[in-house]
Amino acid sequence: MSKAIEPQPTTDIPVPNTSSADSFPRDAALEEAKLIRRLQMMMNMVMQVIAQDATLTIEDASQMIADARTAALAMFPNKELAYDLIWRPRFQRLMRERFRLM
């Protein structure tokens, strides 16, 4: 007759506490990560359109950048400094390269 093997409890692996109080910061972090990813995708799409659309005028490109900034600040209020440090230089470089601005 075979004997069933019972799993032995281990004491060296901590079991996370799954109370509802602990899930709130994790949910907030997941939501923020989702917003950051959405922002990155949006900014990358704007940059791709500006770089690749040969019929795009400088005015249209400038308006796209302004609209992207408005959307970014709607997603992340009071983060103008972060936008100015991260995205503005990228857009400025792209506009200089695309429209040969000096």
PDB file of N, CA and C in Angstrom:
ATOM      1  N   MET A   1       0.822  -1.160   0.000  1.00  0.00           N
ATOM      2  CA  MET A   1       0.000   0.000   0.000  1.00  0.00           C
ATOM      3  C   MET A   1       0.878   1.239   0.000  1.00  0.00           C
ATOM      4  N   SER A   2       0.460   2.184  -0.833  1.00  0.00           N
ATOM      5  CA  SER A   2       1.259   3.402  -0.920  1.00  0.00           C
ATOM      6  C   SER A   2       0.756   4.415   0.099  1.00  0.00           C
ATOM      7  N   LYS A   3       1.667   5.156   0.545  1.00  0.00           N
ATOM      8  CA  LYS A   3       1.380   6.163   1.546  1.00  0.00           C
ATOM      9  C   LYS A   3       1.415   7.535   0.873  1.00  0.00           C
ATOM     10  N   ALA A   4       0.453   8.406   1.098  1.00  0.00           N
ATOM     11  CA  ALA A   4       0.428   9.743   0.507  1.00  0.00           C
ATOM     12  C   ALA A   4       1.493  10.604   1.161  1.00  0.00           C
ATOM     13  N   ILE A   5       2.185  11.344   0.336  1.00  0.00           N
ATOM     14  CA  ILE A   5       3.232  12.221   0.853  1.00  0.00           C
ATOM     15  C   ILE A   5       2.605  13.563   1.190  1.00  0.00           C
ATOM     16  N   GLU A   6       2.731  13.959   2.421  1.00  0.00           N
ATOM     17  CA  GLU A   6       2.196  15.230   2.892  1.00  0.00           C
ATOM     18  C   GLU A   6       3.260  16.311   2.723  1.00  0.00           C
ATOM     19  N   PRO A   7       2.893  17.493   2.199  1.00  0.00           N
ATOM     20  CA  PRO A   7       3.876  18.576   2.100  1.00  0.00           C
ATOM     21  C   PRO A   7       4.265  19.057   3.494  1.00  0.00           C
ATOM     22  N   GLN A   8       5.534  19.280   3.658  1.00  0.00           N
ATOM     23  CA  GLN A   8       6.059  19.749   4.932  1.00  0.00           C
ATOM     24  C   GLN A   8       6.080  21.282   4.929  1.00  0.00           C
ATOM     25  N   PRO A   9       5.640  21.917   5.987  1.00  0.00           N
ATOM     26  CA  PRO A   9       5.688  23.375   6.041  1.00  0.00           C
ATOM     27  C   PRO A   9       7.133  23.858   6.096  1.00  0.00           C
ATOM     28  N   THR A  10       7.387  24.942   5.403  1.00  0.00           N
ATOM     29  CA  THR A  10       8.726  25.526   5.431  1.00  0.00           C
ATOM     30  C   THR A  10       8.680  26.786   6.278  1.00  0.00           C
ATOM     31  N   THR A  11       9.756  27.007   6.997  1.00  0.00           N
ATOM     32  CA  THR A  11       9.797  28.170   7.872  1.00  0.00           C
ATOM     33  C   THR A  11      10.686  29.263   7.318  1.00  0.00           C
ATOM     34  N   ASP A  12      11.416  29.011   6.250  1.00  0.00           N
ATOM     35  CA  ASP A  12      12.340  30.011   5.732  1.00  0.00           C
ATOM     36  C   ASP A  12      11.734  30.888   4.641  1.00  0.00           C
ATOM     37  N   ILE A  13      10.504  30.641   4.229  1.00  0.00           N
ATOM     38  CA  ILE A  13       9.853  31.462   3.208  1.00  0.00           C
ATOM     39  C   ILE A  13       8.782  32.313   3.883  1.00  0.00           C
ATOM     40  N   PRO A  14       8.951  33.634   3.865  1.00  0.00           N
ATOM     41  CA  PRO A  14       7.932  34.475   4.501  1.00  0.00           C
ATOM     42  C   PRO A  14       6.653  34.501   3.673  1.00  0.00           C
ATOM     43  N   VAL A  15       5.538  34.506   4.353  1.00  0.00           N
ATOM     44  CA  VAL A  15       4.231  34.573   3.699  1.00  0.00           C
ATOM     45  C   VAL A  15       3.773  36.017   3.752  1.00  0.00           C
ATOM     46  N   PRO A  16       3.480  36.614   2.573  1.00  0.00           N
ATOM     47  CA  PRO A  16       3.056  38.016   2.589  1.00  0.00           C
ATOM     48  C   PRO A  16       1.699  38.185   3.244  1.00  0.00           C
ATOM     49  N   ASN A  17       1.549  39.296   3.928  1.00  0.00           N
ATOM     50  CA  ASN A  17       0.279  39.647   4.537  1.00  0.00           C
ATOM     51  C   ASN A  17      -0.635  40.202   3.450  1.00  0.00           C
ATOM     52  N   THR A  18      -1.816  39.652   3.307  1.00  0.00           N
ATOM     53  CA  THR A  18      -2.704  40.069   2.219  1.00  0.00           C
ATOM     54  C   THR A  18      -3.903  40.849   2.741  1.00  0.00           C
ATOM     55  N   SER A  19      -3.688  41.640   3.781  1.00  0.00           N
ATOM     56  CA  SER A  19      -4.797  42.432   4.296  1.00  0.00           C
ATOM     57  C   SER A  19      -5.138  43.547   3.314  1.00  0.00           C
ATOM     58  N   SER A  20      -6.322  44.078   3.422  1.00  0.00           N
ATOM     59  CA  SER A  20      -6.772  45.108   2.489  1.00  0.00           C
ATOM     60  C   SER A  20      -5.991  46.402   2.651  1.00  0.00           C
ATOM     61  N   ALA A  21      -5.443  46.672   3.824  1.00  0.00           N
ATOM     62  CA  ALA A  21      -4.658  47.889   4.034  1.00  0.00           C
ATOM     63  C   ALA A  21      -3.371  47.851   3.224  1.00  0.00           C
ATOM     64  N   ASP A  22      -2.797  46.666   3.060  1.00  0.00           N
ATOM     65  CA  ASP A  22      -1.556  46.538   2.297  1.00  0.00           C
ATOM     66  C   ASP A  22      -1.798  46.594   0.799  1.00  0.00           C
ATOM     67  N   SER A  23      -2.977  46.268   0.335  1.00  0.00           N
ATOM     68  CA  SER A  23      -3.230  46.235  -1.101  1.00  0.00           C
ATOM     69  C   SER A  23      -3.414  47.633  -1.681  1.00  0.00           C
ATOM     70  N   PHE A  24      -3.774  48.628  -0.850  1.00  0.00           N
ATOM     71  CA  PHE A  24      -3.989  49.978  -1.380  1.00  0.00           C
ATOM     72  C   PHE A  24      -2.723  50.576  -1.969  1.00  0.00           C
ATOM     73  N   PRO A  25      -1.590  50.593  -1.279  1.00  0.00           N
ATOM     74  CA  PRO A  25      -0.375  51.161  -1.904  1.00  0.00           C
ATOM     75  C   PRO A  25       0.034  50.391  -3.160  1.00  0.00           C
ATOM     76  N   ARG A  26      -0.148  49.086  -3.153  1.00  0.00           N
ATOM     77  CA  ARG A  26       0.197  48.291  -4.327  1.00  0.00           C
ATOM     78  C   ARG A  26      -0.708  48.638  -5.492  1.00  0.00           C
ATOM     79  N   ASP A  27      -2.006  48.832  -5.236  1.00  0.00           N
ATOM     80  CA  ASP A  27      -2.943  49.219  -6.289  1.00  0.00           C
ATOM     81  C   ASP A  27      -2.597  50.600  -6.834  1.00  0.00           C
ATOM     82  N   ALA A  28      -2.239  51.515  -5.943  1.00  0.00           N
ATOM     83  CA  ALA A  28      -1.866  52.861  -6.376  1.00  0.00           C
ATOM     84  C   ALA A  28      -0.595  52.812  -7.220  1.00  0.00           C
ATOM     85  N   ALA A  29       0.350  51.990  -6.828  1.00  0.00           N
ATOM     86  CA  ALA A  29       1.594  51.860  -7.590  1.00  0.00           C
ATOM     87  C   ALA A  29       1.330  51.255  -8.963  1.00  0.00           C
ATOM     88  N   LEU A  30       0.443  50.275  -9.019  1.00  0.00           N
ATOM     89  CA  LEU A  30       0.092  49.672 -10.308  1.00  0.00           C
ATOM     90  C   LEU A  30      -0.605  50.675 -11.212  1.00  0.00           C
ATOM     91  N   GLU A  31      -1.486  51.482 -10.635  1.00  0.00           N
ATOM     92  CA  GLU A  31      -2.193  52.493 -11.413  1.00  0.00           C
ATOM     93  C   GLU A  31      -1.226  53.552 -11.935  1.00  0.00           C
ATOM     94  N   GLU A  32      -0.279  53.948 -11.101  1.00  0.00           N
ATOM     95  CA  GLU A  32       0.708  54.927 -11.539  1.00  0.00           C
ATOM     96  C   GLU A  32       1.598  54.355 -12.637  1.00  0.00           C
ATOM     97  N   ALA A  33       1.981  53.094 -12.503  1.00  0.00           N
ATOM     98  CA  ALA A  33       2.793  52.450 -13.535  1.00  0.00           C
ATOM     99  C   ALA A  33       2.030  52.382 -14.856  1.00  0.00           C
ATOM    100  N   LYS A  34       0.727  52.133 -14.781  1.00  0.00           N
ATOM    101  CA  LYS A  34      -0.100  52.087 -15.987  1.00  0.00           C
ATOM    102  C   LYS A  34      -0.158  53.465 -16.649  1.00  0.00           C
ATOM    103  N   LEU A  35      -0.318  54.507 -15.842  1.00  0.00           N
ATOM    104  CA  LEU A  35      -0.351  55.867 -16.380  1.00  0.00           C
ATOM    105  C   LEU A  35       0.987  56.258 -17.008  1.00  0.00           C
ATOM    106  N   ILE A  36       2.071  55.867 -16.370  1.00  0.00           N
ATOM    107  CA  ILE A  36       3.398  56.172 -16.915  1.00  0.00           C
ATOM    108  C   ILE A  36       3.591  55.478 -18.254  1.00  0.00           C
ATOM    109  N   ARG A  37       3.197  54.228 -18.342  1.00  0.00           N
ATOM    110  CA  ARG A  37       3.320  53.486 -19.603  1.00  0.00           C
ATOM    111  C   ARG A  37       2.458  54.118 -20.694  1.00  0.00           C
ATOM    112  N   ARG A  38       1.248  54.531 -20.334  1.00  0.00           N
ATOM    113  CA  ARG A  38       0.360  55.190 -21.296  1.00  0.00           C
ATOM    114  C   ARG A  38       0.973  56.506 -21.784  1.00  0.00           C
ATOM    115  N   LEU A  39       1.558  57.260 -20.859  1.00  0.00           N
ATOM    116  CA  LEU A  39       2.213  58.516 -21.217  1.00  0.00           C
ATOM    117  C   LEU A  39       3.386  58.262 -22.164  1.00  0.00           C
ATOM    118  N   GLN A  40       4.190  57.258 -21.862  1.00  0.00           N
ATOM    119  CA  GLN A  40       5.328  56.934 -22.732  1.00  0.00           C
ATOM    120  C   GLN A  40       4.862  56.555 -24.129  1.00  0.00           C
ATOM    121  N   MET A  41       3.819  55.751 -24.215  1.00  0.00           N
ATOM    122  CA  MET A  41       3.310  55.352 -25.525  1.00  0.00           C
ATOM    123  C   MET A  41       2.785  56.556 -26.297  1.00  0.00           C
ATOM    124  N   MET A  42       2.070  57.442 -25.608  1.00  0.00           N
ATOM    125  CA  MET A  42       1.519  58.623 -26.262  1.00  0.00           C
ATOM    126  C   MET A  42       2.642  59.512 -26.784  1.00  0.00           C
ATOM    127  N   MET A  43       3.634  59.783 -25.953  1.00  0.00           N
ATOM    128  CA  MET A  43       4.740  60.651 -26.360  1.00  0.00           C
ATOM    129  C   MET A  43       5.539  60.023 -27.503  1.00  0.00           C
ATOM    130  N   ASN A  44       5.742  58.726 -27.443  1.00  0.00           N
ATOM    131  CA  ASN A  44       6.463  58.050 -28.526  1.00  0.00           C
ATOM    132  C   ASN A  44       5.686  58.113 -29.836  1.00  0.00           C
ATOM    133  N   MET A  45       4.370  57.992 -29.770  1.00  0.00           N
ATOM    134  CA  MET A  45       3.572  58.084 -30.995  1.00  0.00           C
ATOM    135  C   MET A  45       3.639  59.491 -31.579  1.00  0.00           C
ATOM    136  N   VAL A  46       3.568  60.508 -30.732  1.00  0.00           N
ATOM    137  CA  VAL A  46       3.681  61.889 -31.215  1.00  0.00           C
ATOM    138  C   VAL A  46       5.039  62.090 -31.877  1.00  0.00           C
ATOM    139  N   MET A  47       6.086  61.599 -31.246  1.00  0.00           N
ATOM    140  CA  MET A  47       7.432  61.753 -31.804  1.00  0.00           C
ATOM    141  C   MET A  47       7.568  61.012 -33.139  1.00  0.00           C
ATOM    142  N   GLN A  48       6.972  59.845 -33.239  1.00  0.00           N
ATOM    143  CA  GLN A  48       7.038  59.083 -34.483  1.00  0.00           C
ATOM    144  C   GLN A  48       6.304  59.796 -35.611  1.00  0.00           C
ATOM    145  N   VAL A  49       5.148  60.339 -35.317  1.00  0.00           N
ATOM    146  CA  VAL A  49       4.385  61.063 -36.351  1.00  0.00           C
ATOM    147  C   VAL A  49       5.187  62.272 -36.823  1.00  0.00           C
ATOM    148  N   ILE A  50       5.745  63.024 -35.890  1.00  0.00           N
ATOM    149  CA  ILE A  50       6.525  64.202 -36.272  1.00  0.00           C
ATOM    150  C   ILE A  50       7.740  63.795 -37.105  1.00  0.00           C
ATOM    151  N   ALA A  51       8.382  62.736 -36.736  1.00  0.00           N
ATOM    152  CA  ALA A  51       9.592  62.305 -37.435  1.00  0.00           C
ATOM    153  C   ALA A  51       9.297  61.717 -38.810  1.00  0.00           C
ATOM    154  N   GLN A  52       8.158  61.057 -38.975  1.00  0.00           N
ATOM    155  CA  GLN A  52       7.929  60.281 -40.193  1.00  0.00           C
ATOM    156  C   GLN A  52       6.947  60.889 -41.181  1.00  0.00           C
ATOM    157  N   ASP A  53       6.077  61.784 -40.761  1.00  0.00           N
ATOM    158  CA  ASP A  53       5.077  62.339 -41.667  1.00  0.00           C
ATOM    159  C   ASP A  53       5.684  63.492 -42.465  1.00  0.00           C
ATOM    160  N   ALA A  54       5.935  63.239 -43.739  1.00  0.00           N
ATOM    161  CA  ALA A  54       6.583  64.245 -44.588  1.00  0.00           C
ATOM    162  C   ALA A  54       5.678  65.429 -44.889  1.00  0.00           C
ATOM    163  N   THR A  55       4.367  65.258 -44.746  1.00  0.00           N
ATOM    164  CA  THR A  55       3.446  66.350 -45.057  1.00  0.00           C
ATOM    165  C   THR A  55       3.140  67.234 -43.852  1.00  0.00           C
ATOM    166  N   LEU A  56       3.679  66.895 -42.707  1.00  0.00           N
ATOM    167  CA  LEU A  56       3.402  67.632 -41.475  1.00  0.00           C
ATOM    168  C   LEU A  56       4.111  68.984 -41.489  1.00  0.00           C
ATOM    169  N   THR A  57       3.372  70.040 -41.186  1.00  0.00           N
ATOM    170  CA  THR A  57       3.969  71.375 -41.135  1.00  0.00           C
ATOM    171  C   THR A  57       4.525  71.625 -39.735  1.00  0.00           C
ATOM    172  N   ILE A  58       5.361  72.628 -39.616  1.00  0.00           N
ATOM    173  CA  ILE A  58       5.931  72.962 -38.317  1.00  0.00           C
ATOM    174  C   ILE A  58       4.847  73.419 -37.343  1.00  0.00           C
ATOM    175  N   GLU A  59       3.824  74.093 -37.857  1.00  0.00           N
ATOM    176  CA  GLU A  59       2.718  74.526 -37.005  1.00  0.00           C
ATOM    177  C   GLU A  59       1.941  73.335 -36.464  1.00  0.00           C
ATOM    178  N   ASP A  60       1.683  72.353 -37.347  1.00  0.00           N
ATOM    179  CA  ASP A  60       0.963  71.151 -36.906  1.00  0.00           C
ATOM    180  C   ASP A  60       1.776  70.373 -35.871  1.00  0.00           C
ATOM    181  N   ALA A  61       3.073  70.265 -36.106  1.00  0.00           N
ATOM    182  CA  ALA A  61       3.936  69.560 -35.156  1.00  0.00           C
ATOM    183  C   ALA A  61       3.963  70.275 -33.814  1.00  0.00           C
ATOM    184  N   SER A  62       4.035  71.580 -33.846  1.00  0.00           N
ATOM    185  CA  SER A  62       4.021  72.363 -32.603  1.00  0.00           C
ATOM    186  C   SER A  62       2.709  72.182 -31.857  1.00  0.00           C
ATOM    187  N   GLN A  63       1.607  72.140 -32.589  1.00  0.00           N
ATOM    188  CA  GLN A  63       0.310  71.928 -31.953  1.00  0.00           C
ATOM    189  C   GLN A  63       0.215  70.531 -31.349  1.00  0.00           C
ATOM    190  N   MET A  64       0.760  69.540 -32.036  1.00  0.00           N
ATOM    191  CA  MET A  64       0.766  68.179 -31.486  1.00  0.00           C
ATOM    192  C   MET A  64       1.544  68.128 -30.177  1.00  0.00           C
ATOM    193  N   ILE A  65       2.678  68.812 -30.136  1.00  0.00           N
ATOM    194  CA  ILE A  65       3.490  68.828 -28.926  1.00  0.00           C
ATOM    195  C   ILE A  65       2.751  69.542 -27.798  1.00  0.00           C
ATOM    196  N   ALA A  66       2.103  70.647 -28.108  1.00  0.00           N
ATOM    197  CA  ALA A  66       1.331  71.368 -27.092  1.00  0.00           C
ATOM    198  C   ALA A  66       0.183  70.514 -26.559  1.00  0.00           C
ATOM    199  N   ASP A  67      -0.488  69.797 -27.452  1.00  0.00           N
ATOM    200  CA  ASP A  67      -1.583  68.921 -27.023  1.00  0.00           C
ATOM    201  C   ASP A  67      -1.058  67.757 -26.182  1.00  0.00           C
ATOM    202  N   ALA A  68       0.105  67.219 -26.554  1.00  0.00           N
ATOM    203  CA  ALA A  68       0.701  66.135 -25.777  1.00  0.00           C
ATOM    204  C   ALA A  68       1.076  66.625 -24.374  1.00  0.00           C
ATOM    205  N   ARG A  69       1.586  67.850 -24.277  1.00  0.00           N
ATOM    206  CA  ARG A  69       1.926  68.422 -22.972  1.00  0.00           C
ATOM    207  C   ARG A  69       0.668  68.591 -22.126  1.00  0.00           C
ATOM    208  N   THR A  70      -0.396  69.087 -22.726  1.00  0.00           N
ATOM    209  CA  THR A  70      -1.658  69.254 -22.002  1.00  0.00           C
ATOM    210  C   THR A  70      -2.169  67.915 -21.484  1.00  0.00           C
ATOM    211  N   ALA A  71      -2.101  66.887 -22.318  1.00  0.00           N
ATOM    212  CA  ALA A  71      -2.549  65.553 -21.909  1.00  0.00           C
ATOM    213  C   ALA A  71      -1.666  64.991 -20.795  1.00  0.00           C
ATOM    214  N   ALA A  72      -0.354  65.196 -20.911  1.00  0.00           N
ATOM    215  CA  ALA A  72       0.568  64.699 -19.886  1.00  0.00           C
ATOM    216  C   ALA A  72       0.297  65.356 -18.542  1.00  0.00           C
ATOM    217  N   LEU A  73       0.060  66.668 -18.563  1.00  0.00           N
ATOM    218  CA  LEU A  73      -0.197  67.367 -17.308  1.00  0.00           C
ATOM    219  C   LEU A  73      -1.583  67.052 -16.750  1.00  0.00           C
ATOM    220  N   ALA A  74      -2.504  66.643 -17.608  1.00  0.00           N
ATOM    221  CA  ALA A  74      -3.806  66.181 -17.122  1.00  0.00           C
ATOM    222  C   ALA A  74      -3.659  64.829 -16.423  1.00  0.00           C
ATOM    223  N   MET A  75      -2.776  63.998 -16.939  1.00  0.00           N
ATOM    224  CA  MET A  75      -2.529  62.694 -16.327  1.00  0.00           C
ATOM    225  C   MET A  75      -1.739  62.822 -15.027  1.00  0.00           C
ATOM    226  N   PHE A  76      -0.785  63.756 -15.006  1.00  0.00           N
ATOM    227  CA  PHE A  76       0.085  63.970 -13.856  1.00  0.00           C
ATOM    228  C   PHE A  76       0.082  65.453 -13.483  1.00  0.00           C
ATOM    229  N   PRO A  77      -0.937  65.898 -12.751  1.00  0.00           N
ATOM    230  CA  PRO A  77      -1.013  67.316 -12.383  1.00  0.00           C
ATOM    231  C   PRO A  77       0.196  67.747 -11.552  1.00  0.00           C
ATOM    232  N   ASN A  78       0.585  69.000 -11.702  1.00  0.00           N
ATOM    233  CA  ASN A  78       1.690  69.603 -10.952  1.00  0.00           C
ATOM    234  C   ASN A  78       3.041  68.946 -11.232  1.00  0.00           C
ATOM    235  N   LYS A  79       3.206  68.375 -12.411  1.00  0.00           N
ATOM    236  CA  LYS A  79       4.482  67.759 -12.787  1.00  0.00           C
ATOM    237  C   LYS A  79       5.109  68.476 -13.977  1.00  0.00           C
ATOM    238  N   GLU A  80       4.923  69.799 -14.029  1.00  0.00           N
ATOM    239  CA  GLU A  80       5.479  70.580 -15.134  1.00  0.00           C
ATOM    240  C   GLU A  80       6.998  70.459 -15.185  1.00  0.00           C
ATOM    241  N   LEU A  81       7.643  70.467 -14.018  1.00  0.00           N
ATOM    242  CA  LEU A  81       9.105  70.370 -13.979  1.00  0.00           C
ATOM    243  C   LEU A  81       9.574  69.045 -14.572  1.00  0.00           C
ATOM    244  N   ALA A  82       8.903  67.969 -14.231  1.00  0.00           N
ATOM    245  CA  ALA A  82       9.274  66.662 -14.782  1.00  0.00           C
ATOM    246  C   ALA A  82       9.113  66.658 -16.303  1.00  0.00           C
ATOM    247  N   TYR A  83       8.015  67.234 -16.784  1.00  0.00           N
ATOM    248  CA  TYR A  83       7.810  67.323 -18.232  1.00  0.00           C
ATOM    249  C   TYR A  83       8.937  68.134 -18.874  1.00  0.00           C
ATOM    250  N   ASP A  84       9.252  69.281 -18.265  1.00  0.00           N
ATOM    251  CA  ASP A  84      10.288  70.160 -18.827  1.00  0.00           C
ATOM    252  C   ASP A  84      11.669  69.512 -18.820  1.00  0.00           C
ATOM    253  N   LEU A  85      11.924  68.637 -17.861  1.00  0.00           N
ATOM    254  CA  LEU A  85      13.231  67.975 -17.795  1.00  0.00           C
ATOM    255  C   LEU A  85      13.324  66.749 -18.698  1.00  0.00           C
ATOM    256  N   ILE A  86      12.214  66.061 -18.874  1.00  0.00           N
ATOM    257  CA  ILE A  86      12.247  64.793 -19.623  1.00  0.00           C
ATOM    258  C   ILE A  86      11.831  64.961 -21.077  1.00  0.00           C
ATOM    259  N   TRP A  87      10.661  65.529 -21.297  1.00  0.00           N
ATOM    260  CA  TRP A  87      10.085  65.516 -22.638  1.00  0.00           C
ATOM    261  C   TRP A  87      10.422  66.734 -23.476  1.00  0.00           C
ATOM    262  N   ARG A  88      10.492  67.916 -22.884  1.00  0.00           N
ATOM    263  CA  ARG A  88      10.748  69.129 -23.672  1.00  0.00           C
ATOM    264  C   ARG A  88      12.063  69.041 -24.462  1.00  0.00           C
ATOM    265  N   PRO A  89      13.174  68.610 -23.851  1.00  0.00           N
ATOM    266  CA  PRO A  89      14.413  68.514 -24.647  1.00  0.00           C
ATOM    267  C   PRO A  89      14.300  67.525 -25.811  1.00  0.00           C
ATOM    268  N   ARG A  90      13.576  66.449 -25.613  1.00  0.00           N
ATOM    269  CA  ARG A  90      13.408  65.465 -26.688  1.00  0.00           C
ATOM    270  C   ARG A  90      12.624  66.065 -27.854  1.00  0.00           C
ATOM    271  N   PHE A  91      11.540  66.769 -27.523  1.00  0.00           N
ATOM    272  CA  PHE A  91      10.753  67.404 -28.568  1.00  0.00           C
ATOM    273  C   PHE A  91      11.533  68.518 -29.256  1.00  0.00           C
ATOM    274  N   GLN A  92      12.304  69.286 -28.503  1.00  0.00           N
ATOM    275  CA  GLN A  92      13.112  70.351 -29.107  1.00  0.00           C
ATOM    276  C   GLN A  92      14.139  69.768 -30.073  1.00  0.00           C
ATOM    277  N   ARG A  93      14.803  68.704 -29.657  1.00  0.00           N
ATOM    278  CA  ARG A  93      15.796  68.064 -30.531  1.00  0.00           C
ATOM    279  C   ARG A  93      15.127  67.515 -31.791  1.00  0.00           C
ATOM    280  N   LEU A  94      13.982  66.887 -31.632  1.00  0.00           N
ATOM    281  CA  LEU A  94      13.250  66.346 -32.778  1.00  0.00           C
ATOM    282  C   LEU A  94      12.843  67.458 -33.746  1.00  0.00           C
ATOM    283  N   MET A  95      12.339  68.554 -33.221  1.00  0.00           N
ATOM    284  CA  MET A  95      11.929  69.672 -34.088  1.00  0.00           C
ATOM    285  C   MET A  95      13.131  70.263 -34.805  1.00  0.00           C
ATOM    286  N   ARG A  96      14.270  70.389 -34.136  1.00  0.00           N
ATOM    287  CA  ARG A  96      15.478  70.900 -34.791  1.00  0.00           C
ATOM    288  C   ARG A  96      15.910  69.968 -35.914  1.00  0.00           C
ATOM    289  N   GLU A  97      15.896  68.673 -35.668  1.00  0.00           N
ATOM    290  CA  GLU A  97      16.317  67.713 -36.693  1.00  0.00           C
ATOM    291  C   GLU A  97      15.315  67.639 -37.842  1.00  0.00           C
ATOM    292  N   ARG A  98      14.045  67.605 -37.519  1.00  0.00           N
ATOM    293  CA  ARG A  98      13.012  67.404 -38.545  1.00  0.00           C
ATOM    294  C   ARG A  98      12.846  68.630 -39.438  1.00  0.00           C
ATOM    295  N   PHE A  99      12.861  69.819 -38.841  1.00  0.00           N
ATOM    296  CA  PHE A  99      12.608  71.036 -39.608  1.00  0.00           C
ATOM    297  C   PHE A  99      13.867  71.877 -39.809  1.00  0.00           C
ATOM    298  N   ARG A 100      15.007  71.312 -39.451  1.00  0.00           N
ATOM    299  CA  ARG A 100      16.314  71.966 -39.615  1.00  0.00           C
ATOM    300  C   ARG A 100      16.332  73.361 -39.009  1.00  0.00           C
ATOM    301  N   LEU A 101      15.878  73.429 -37.763  1.00  0.00           N
ATOM    302  CA  LEU A 101      15.864  74.699 -37.042  1.00  0.00           C
ATOM    303  C   LEU A 101      17.217  74.910 -36.370  1.00  0.00           C
ATOM    304  N   MET A 102      17.590  76.134 -36.203  1.00  0.00           N
ATOM    305  CA  MET A 102      18.852  76.443 -35.518  1.00  0.00           C
ATOM    306  C   MET A 102      18.598  77.157 -34.231  1.00  0.00           C
TER     307      MET A 102
END
